[in-house]
């Protein structure tokens, strides 16, 4: 059965922070499971689903998921096209690849200025022993 792979040891990296204010909007709030605040596993995992919730009007329009096992180069896994609304959206990952690193690329946005607001980000799958 699939379960969330995001835990306290998960490492993340972001390309920008609102107004560079990491104390209020930093990456530490991305996975804190708190709706009031805005993965790198130490072992390979089998990723089965990507879940995202955007703010309507600030959604990713054309997106892709890349991943790799160990320190290998990232390889294309999935193209996905979210709806421009506030719903939690799930994107099945075909063939459930073994990965240690994942990268989500937002190629463009529904917002005129290219802004994207993510409320929820989760990756479902299984740990491989």
N, C-alpha and C. Protein backbone atom coordinates (compact mmCIF):
# COMPACT_ATOMS: atom_id res chain seq x y z
N UNK A 1 0.84 -1.19 0.00
CA UNK A 1 0.00 0.00 0.00
C UNK A 1 0.88 1.25 0.00
N UNK A 2 0.52 2.22 -0.81
CA UNK A 2 1.30 3.45 -0.93
C UNK A 2 1.09 4.34 0.30
N UNK A 3 2.17 4.98 0.73
CA UNK A 3 2.12 5.91 1.87
C UNK A 3 3.07 7.06 1.57
N UNK A 4 2.92 8.15 2.29
CA UNK A 4 3.77 9.32 2.08
C UNK A 4 5.24 8.98 2.35
N UNK A 5 6.14 9.42 1.47
CA UNK A 5 7.57 9.19 1.62
C UNK A 5 8.28 10.38 2.24
N UNK A 6 7.56 11.44 2.49
CA UNK A 6 8.16 12.66 3.03
C UNK A 6 8.19 12.55 4.55
N UNK A 7 9.39 12.73 5.14
CA UNK A 7 9.57 12.61 6.58
C UNK A 7 10.53 13.70 7.07
N UNK A 8 10.89 13.66 8.35
CA UNK A 8 11.79 14.67 8.92
C UNK A 8 13.17 14.67 8.28
N UNK A 9 13.62 13.54 7.75
CA UNK A 9 14.94 13.45 7.15
C UNK A 9 14.96 13.85 5.68
N UNK A 10 13.82 14.16 5.10
CA UNK A 10 13.75 14.53 3.69
C UNK A 10 14.43 15.87 3.47
N UNK A 11 15.30 15.93 2.48
CA UNK A 11 15.98 17.18 2.14
C UNK A 11 15.33 17.77 0.90
N UNK A 12 15.23 19.09 0.87
CA UNK A 12 14.64 19.74 -0.30
C UNK A 12 15.46 20.96 -0.67
N UNK A 13 15.26 21.40 -1.90
CA UNK A 13 15.96 22.58 -2.40
C UNK A 13 14.96 23.36 -3.22
N UNK A 14 14.95 24.68 -3.08
CA UNK A 14 14.04 25.53 -3.83
C UNK A 14 14.84 26.59 -4.58
N UNK A 15 14.26 27.07 -5.68
CA UNK A 15 14.97 28.06 -6.49
C UNK A 15 14.72 29.49 -6.04
N UNK A 16 13.66 29.72 -5.28
CA UNK A 16 13.38 31.08 -4.81
C UNK A 16 12.49 31.03 -3.58
N UNK A 17 12.50 32.12 -2.82
CA UNK A 17 11.67 32.30 -1.62
C UNK A 17 11.07 33.70 -1.69
N UNK A 18 9.79 33.81 -1.39
CA UNK A 18 9.11 35.10 -1.45
C UNK A 18 9.88 36.17 -0.69
N UNK A 19 10.25 37.21 -1.38
CA UNK A 19 10.99 38.34 -0.80
C UNK A 19 12.27 37.91 -0.09
N UNK A 20 12.78 36.75 -0.42
CA UNK A 20 13.99 36.19 0.22
C UNK A 20 13.83 36.08 1.74
N UNK A 21 12.61 35.98 2.22
CA UNK A 21 12.31 35.91 3.65
C UNK A 21 12.21 34.44 4.07
N UNK A 22 13.37 33.81 4.31
CA UNK A 22 13.37 32.39 4.63
C UNK A 22 12.80 32.10 6.02
N UNK A 23 12.83 33.07 6.93
CA UNK A 23 12.27 32.85 8.27
C UNK A 23 10.75 32.68 8.22
N UNK A 24 10.10 33.39 7.32
CA UNK A 24 8.64 33.32 7.22
C UNK A 24 8.17 32.41 6.09
N UNK A 25 8.94 32.32 5.00
CA UNK A 25 8.49 31.59 3.82
C UNK A 25 9.49 30.54 3.33
N UNK A 26 10.44 30.13 4.18
CA UNK A 26 11.50 29.22 3.75
C UNK A 26 11.02 27.81 3.45
N UNK A 27 11.92 27.02 2.87
CA UNK A 27 11.60 25.66 2.43
C UNK A 27 11.20 24.75 3.58
N UNK A 28 11.58 25.09 4.82
CA UNK A 28 11.22 24.25 5.96
C UNK A 28 9.71 24.16 6.15
N UNK A 29 8.95 25.10 5.60
CA UNK A 29 7.50 25.08 5.73
C UNK A 29 6.82 24.25 4.64
N UNK A 30 7.57 23.83 3.63
CA UNK A 30 6.98 23.11 2.51
C UNK A 30 6.36 21.78 2.93
N UNK A 31 7.00 21.09 3.85
CA UNK A 31 6.54 19.75 4.24
C UNK A 31 6.14 19.67 5.70
N UNK A 32 5.76 20.78 6.32
CA UNK A 32 5.45 20.74 7.75
C UNK A 32 4.01 20.32 8.06
N UNK A 33 3.22 19.99 7.04
CA UNK A 33 1.83 19.52 7.19
C UNK A 33 0.94 20.53 7.91
N UNK A 34 1.30 21.80 7.84
CA UNK A 34 0.51 22.86 8.43
C UNK A 34 -0.11 23.69 7.31
N UNK A 35 -1.43 23.72 7.24
CA UNK A 35 -2.10 24.44 6.16
C UNK A 35 -1.96 25.95 6.28
N UNK A 36 -1.49 26.44 7.41
CA UNK A 36 -1.32 27.87 7.60
C UNK A 36 0.04 28.36 7.11
N UNK A 37 0.96 27.49 6.83
CA UNK A 37 2.26 27.87 6.29
C UNK A 37 2.31 27.47 4.82
N UNK A 38 3.00 28.42 4.30
CA UNK A 38 2.96 28.22 2.83
C UNK A 38 3.17 26.74 2.55
N UNK A 39 12.90 16.06 -0.98
CA UNK A 39 12.97 14.62 -0.90
C UNK A 39 14.30 14.12 -1.44
N UNK A 40 14.71 14.07 -0.61
CA UNK A 40 15.90 13.28 -0.99
C UNK A 40 16.04 12.18 0.04
N UNK A 41 15.72 10.96 -0.33
CA UNK A 41 15.73 9.85 0.60
C UNK A 41 17.13 9.28 0.75
N UNK A 42 17.39 8.72 1.93
CA UNK A 42 18.69 8.09 2.14
C UNK A 42 18.73 6.68 1.58
N UNK A 43 17.64 6.22 1.02
CA UNK A 43 17.59 4.92 0.35
C UNK A 43 16.68 5.04 -0.86
N UNK A 44 16.86 4.17 -1.84
CA UNK A 44 15.98 4.25 -3.02
C UNK A 44 14.53 3.99 -2.63
N UNK A 45 13.65 4.70 -3.30
CA UNK A 45 12.21 4.50 -3.08
C UNK A 45 11.54 4.29 -4.43
N UNK A 46 10.40 3.67 -4.38
CA UNK A 46 9.60 3.45 -5.58
C UNK A 46 8.49 4.49 -5.55
N UNK A 47 8.61 5.51 -6.37
CA UNK A 47 7.64 6.61 -6.40
C UNK A 47 6.45 6.22 -7.29
N UNK A 48 5.23 6.31 -6.74
CA UNK A 48 4.05 5.88 -7.49
C UNK A 48 3.10 7.02 -7.86
N UNK A 49 3.06 8.08 -7.03
CA UNK A 49 2.13 9.19 -7.28
C UNK A 49 2.73 10.50 -6.81
N UNK A 50 2.47 11.54 -7.57
CA UNK A 50 2.83 12.90 -7.20
C UNK A 50 1.53 13.63 -6.91
N UNK A 51 1.43 14.29 -5.76
CA UNK A 51 0.22 15.04 -5.41
C UNK A 51 0.58 16.50 -5.19
N UNK A 52 -0.20 17.36 -5.81
CA UNK A 52 0.01 18.81 -5.72
C UNK A 52 -1.32 19.52 -5.53
N UNK A 53 -1.28 20.58 -4.73
CA UNK A 53 -2.43 21.48 -4.61
C UNK A 53 -1.91 22.90 -4.79
N UNK A 54 -2.47 23.60 -5.76
CA UNK A 54 -2.08 24.97 -6.07
C UNK A 54 -3.15 25.94 -5.60
N UNK A 55 -2.79 27.21 -5.57
CA UNK A 55 -3.80 28.26 -5.44
C UNK A 55 -4.31 28.52 -6.85
N UNK A 56 -5.64 28.49 -7.02
CA UNK A 56 -6.22 28.77 -8.33
C UNK A 56 -5.71 30.09 -8.88
N UNK A 57 -5.37 30.10 -10.16
CA UNK A 57 -4.82 31.29 -10.79
C UNK A 57 -3.30 31.33 -10.74
N UNK A 58 -2.71 30.47 -9.91
CA UNK A 58 -1.25 30.43 -9.75
C UNK A 58 -0.77 28.99 -9.85
N UNK A 59 -1.31 28.25 -10.79
CA UNK A 59 -0.98 26.84 -10.97
C UNK A 59 0.11 26.67 -12.02
N UNK A 60 0.80 25.54 -11.90
CA UNK A 60 1.67 25.13 -12.99
C UNK A 60 0.79 24.75 -14.16
N UNK A 61 1.23 25.03 -15.36
CA UNK A 61 0.42 24.74 -16.55
C UNK A 61 0.96 23.52 -17.28
N UNK A 62 2.23 23.54 -17.56
CA UNK A 62 2.93 22.44 -18.21
C UNK A 62 4.11 22.10 -17.31
N UNK A 63 4.16 20.87 -16.82
CA UNK A 63 5.16 20.50 -15.82
C UNK A 63 5.80 19.16 -16.18
N UNK A 64 6.95 18.91 -15.58
CA UNK A 64 7.57 17.60 -15.78
C UNK A 64 8.25 17.16 -14.48
N UNK A 65 8.35 15.85 -14.35
CA UNK A 65 9.00 15.24 -13.21
C UNK A 65 10.24 14.53 -13.72
N UNK A 66 11.36 14.78 -13.06
CA UNK A 66 12.62 14.12 -13.39
C UNK A 66 13.12 13.42 -12.14
N UNK A 67 13.91 12.38 -12.33
CA UNK A 67 14.43 11.66 -11.18
C UNK A 67 15.65 10.85 -11.52
N UNK A 68 16.32 10.39 -10.46
CA UNK A 68 17.50 9.55 -10.66
C UNK A 68 17.72 8.68 -9.44
N UNK A 69 18.39 7.57 -9.66
CA UNK A 69 18.86 6.72 -8.57
C UNK A 69 20.29 7.17 -8.26
N UNK A 70 20.60 7.27 -7.00
CA UNK A 70 21.92 7.71 -6.53
C UNK A 70 22.24 9.09 -7.08
N UNK A 71 23.49 9.32 -7.45
CA UNK A 71 23.91 10.64 -7.94
C UNK A 71 23.92 10.71 -9.46
N UNK A 72 23.21 9.81 -10.12
CA UNK A 72 23.17 9.80 -11.58
C UNK A 72 22.47 11.06 -12.09
N UNK A 73 22.64 11.33 -13.37
CA UNK A 73 21.95 12.46 -13.99
C UNK A 73 20.45 12.25 -13.94
N UNK A 74 19.72 13.34 -13.77
CA UNK A 74 18.26 13.26 -13.75
C UNK A 74 17.74 12.86 -15.12
N UNK A 75 16.73 12.00 -15.12
CA UNK A 75 16.11 11.55 -16.36
C UNK A 75 14.62 11.88 -16.32
N UNK A 76 14.07 12.14 -17.49
CA UNK A 76 12.65 12.45 -17.60
C UNK A 76 11.81 11.26 -17.15
N UNK A 77 10.81 11.52 -16.30
CA UNK A 77 9.90 10.47 -15.83
C UNK A 77 8.49 10.70 -16.33
N UNK A 78 8.01 11.95 -16.25
CA UNK A 78 6.60 12.21 -16.48
C UNK A 78 6.37 13.66 -16.90
N UNK A 79 5.51 13.87 -17.90
CA UNK A 79 4.95 15.19 -18.20
C UNK A 79 3.57 15.21 -17.59
N UNK A 80 3.20 16.31 -16.94
CA UNK A 80 1.86 16.41 -16.38
C UNK A 80 1.35 17.84 -16.51
N UNK A 81 0.01 17.94 -16.54
CA UNK A 81 -0.65 19.20 -16.83
C UNK A 81 -1.75 19.44 -15.80
N UNK A 82 -1.43 20.16 -14.71
CA UNK A 82 -2.41 20.38 -13.65
C UNK A 82 -3.58 21.26 -14.10
N UNK A 83 -4.70 21.07 -13.43
CA UNK A 83 -5.86 21.94 -13.61
C UNK A 83 -5.60 23.24 -12.85
N UNK A 84 -6.16 24.33 -13.33
CA UNK A 84 -5.99 25.63 -12.68
C UNK A 84 -7.10 25.82 -11.64
N UNK A 85 -6.98 25.11 -10.52
CA UNK A 85 -7.95 25.25 -9.44
C UNK A 85 -7.29 24.92 -8.10
N UNK A 86 -8.08 24.94 -7.03
CA UNK A 86 -7.54 24.72 -5.69
C UNK A 86 -7.57 23.27 -5.24
N UNK A 87 -7.99 22.34 -6.09
CA UNK A 87 -8.15 20.96 -5.66
C UNK A 87 -6.80 20.24 -5.51
N UNK A 88 -6.77 19.23 -4.64
CA UNK A 88 -5.61 18.37 -4.53
C UNK A 88 -5.61 17.45 -5.74
N UNK A 89 -4.54 17.50 -6.53
CA UNK A 89 -4.46 16.74 -7.78
C UNK A 89 -3.41 15.65 -7.65
N UNK A 90 -3.72 14.48 -8.19
CA UNK A 90 -2.82 13.35 -8.13
C UNK A 90 -2.39 12.96 -9.54
N UNK A 91 -1.09 12.72 -9.71
CA UNK A 91 -0.54 12.34 -11.00
C UNK A 91 0.21 11.01 -10.83
N UNK A 92 -0.37 9.92 -11.34
CA UNK A 92 0.29 8.62 -11.24
C UNK A 92 1.62 8.64 -11.99
N UNK A 93 2.62 8.00 -11.40
CA UNK A 93 3.95 7.92 -12.00
C UNK A 93 4.07 6.55 -12.65
N UNK A 94 4.17 6.50 -13.98
CA UNK A 94 4.20 5.22 -14.67
C UNK A 94 5.45 4.40 -14.33
N UNK A 95 5.27 3.11 -14.25
CA UNK A 95 6.35 2.15 -14.00
C UNK A 95 7.06 2.34 -12.66
N UNK A 96 6.57 3.20 -11.80
CA UNK A 96 7.10 3.40 -10.44
C UNK A 96 8.62 3.24 -10.36
N UNK A 97 9.38 4.21 -10.88
CA UNK A 97 10.84 4.05 -10.92
C UNK A 97 11.47 4.11 -9.52
N UNK A 98 12.63 3.46 -9.37
CA UNK A 98 13.42 3.58 -8.16
C UNK A 98 14.20 4.88 -8.23
N UNK A 99 14.05 5.73 -7.23
CA UNK A 99 14.72 7.03 -7.24
C UNK A 99 15.25 7.38 -5.86
N UNK A 100 16.26 8.22 -5.86
CA UNK A 100 16.73 8.86 -4.64
C UNK A 100 16.56 10.37 -4.73
N UNK A 101 16.44 10.86 -5.95
CA UNK A 101 16.26 12.30 -6.17
C UNK A 101 15.11 12.51 -7.13
N UNK A 102 14.30 13.50 -6.83
CA UNK A 102 13.22 13.91 -7.74
C UNK A 102 13.30 15.41 -7.93
N UNK A 103 12.92 15.84 -9.11
CA UNK A 103 12.89 17.27 -9.42
C UNK A 103 11.60 17.55 -10.18
N UNK A 104 10.86 18.53 -9.70
CA UNK A 104 9.65 18.98 -10.38
C UNK A 104 10.00 20.26 -11.12
N UNK A 105 9.73 20.29 -12.42
CA UNK A 105 10.01 21.47 -13.24
C UNK A 105 8.68 22.07 -13.67
N UNK A 106 8.44 23.31 -13.28
CA UNK A 106 7.25 24.03 -13.71
C UNK A 106 7.67 24.83 -14.95
N UNK A 107 7.33 24.32 -16.11
CA UNK A 107 7.77 24.96 -17.35
C UNK A 107 7.07 26.28 -17.61
N UNK A 108 5.81 26.38 -17.22
CA UNK A 108 5.09 27.65 -17.31
C UNK A 108 3.95 27.66 -16.31
N UNK A 109 3.29 28.78 -16.20
CA UNK A 109 2.28 29.01 -15.16
C UNK A 109 1.01 29.58 -15.77
N UNK A 110 -0.09 29.42 -15.05
CA UNK A 110 -1.35 30.04 -15.47
C UNK A 110 -1.36 31.54 -15.14
N UNK A 111 -0.44 31.99 -14.30
CA UNK A 111 -0.33 33.40 -13.93
C UNK A 111 0.46 34.16 -14.99
N UNK A 112 0.00 35.35 -15.32
CA UNK A 112 0.63 36.19 -16.34
C UNK A 112 2.11 36.45 -16.05
N UNK A 113 2.47 36.57 -14.75
CA UNK A 113 3.84 36.87 -14.37
C UNK A 113 4.66 35.61 -14.05
N UNK A 114 4.08 34.44 -14.23
CA UNK A 114 4.81 33.20 -14.03
C UNK A 114 4.87 32.71 -12.59
N UNK A 115 4.08 33.32 -11.71
CA UNK A 115 4.10 32.91 -10.31
C UNK A 115 3.34 31.59 -10.12
N UNK A 116 3.82 30.78 -9.19
CA UNK A 116 3.18 29.51 -8.84
C UNK A 116 3.11 29.44 -7.33
N UNK A 117 1.94 29.10 -6.79
CA UNK A 117 1.77 28.95 -5.34
C UNK A 117 1.34 27.52 -5.07
N UNK A 118 2.19 26.78 -4.34
CA UNK A 118 1.92 25.39 -4.00
C UNK A 118 1.51 25.33 -2.53
N UNK A 119 0.30 24.80 -2.27
CA UNK A 119 -0.16 24.60 -0.90
C UNK A 119 0.23 23.23 -0.37
N UNK A 120 0.15 22.23 -1.21
CA UNK A 120 0.46 20.86 -0.79
C UNK A 120 1.32 20.19 -1.84
N UNK A 121 2.36 19.51 -1.38
CA UNK A 121 3.20 18.71 -2.25
C UNK A 121 3.49 17.41 -1.50
N UNK A 122 3.18 16.29 -2.12
CA UNK A 122 3.43 15.00 -1.50
C UNK A 122 3.82 13.99 -2.58
N UNK A 123 4.60 13.02 -2.19
CA UNK A 123 5.00 11.95 -3.10
C UNK A 123 4.66 10.65 -2.42
N UNK A 124 3.87 9.83 -3.11
CA UNK A 124 3.49 8.54 -2.55
C UNK A 124 4.32 7.45 -3.19
N UNK A 125 4.51 6.38 -2.46
CA UNK A 125 5.27 5.26 -2.97
C UNK A 125 5.61 4.29 -1.87
N UNK A 126 6.67 3.54 -2.11
CA UNK A 126 7.09 2.51 -1.16
C UNK A 126 8.59 2.59 -0.97
N UNK A 127 9.03 2.37 0.27
CA UNK A 127 10.46 2.27 0.54
C UNK A 127 10.93 0.90 0.10
N UNK A 128 12.10 0.86 -0.48
CA UNK A 128 12.68 -0.40 -0.96
C UNK A 128 13.76 -0.81 0.02
N UNK A 129 13.64 -1.99 0.54
CA UNK A 129 14.62 -2.46 1.54
C UNK A 129 15.77 -3.20 0.92
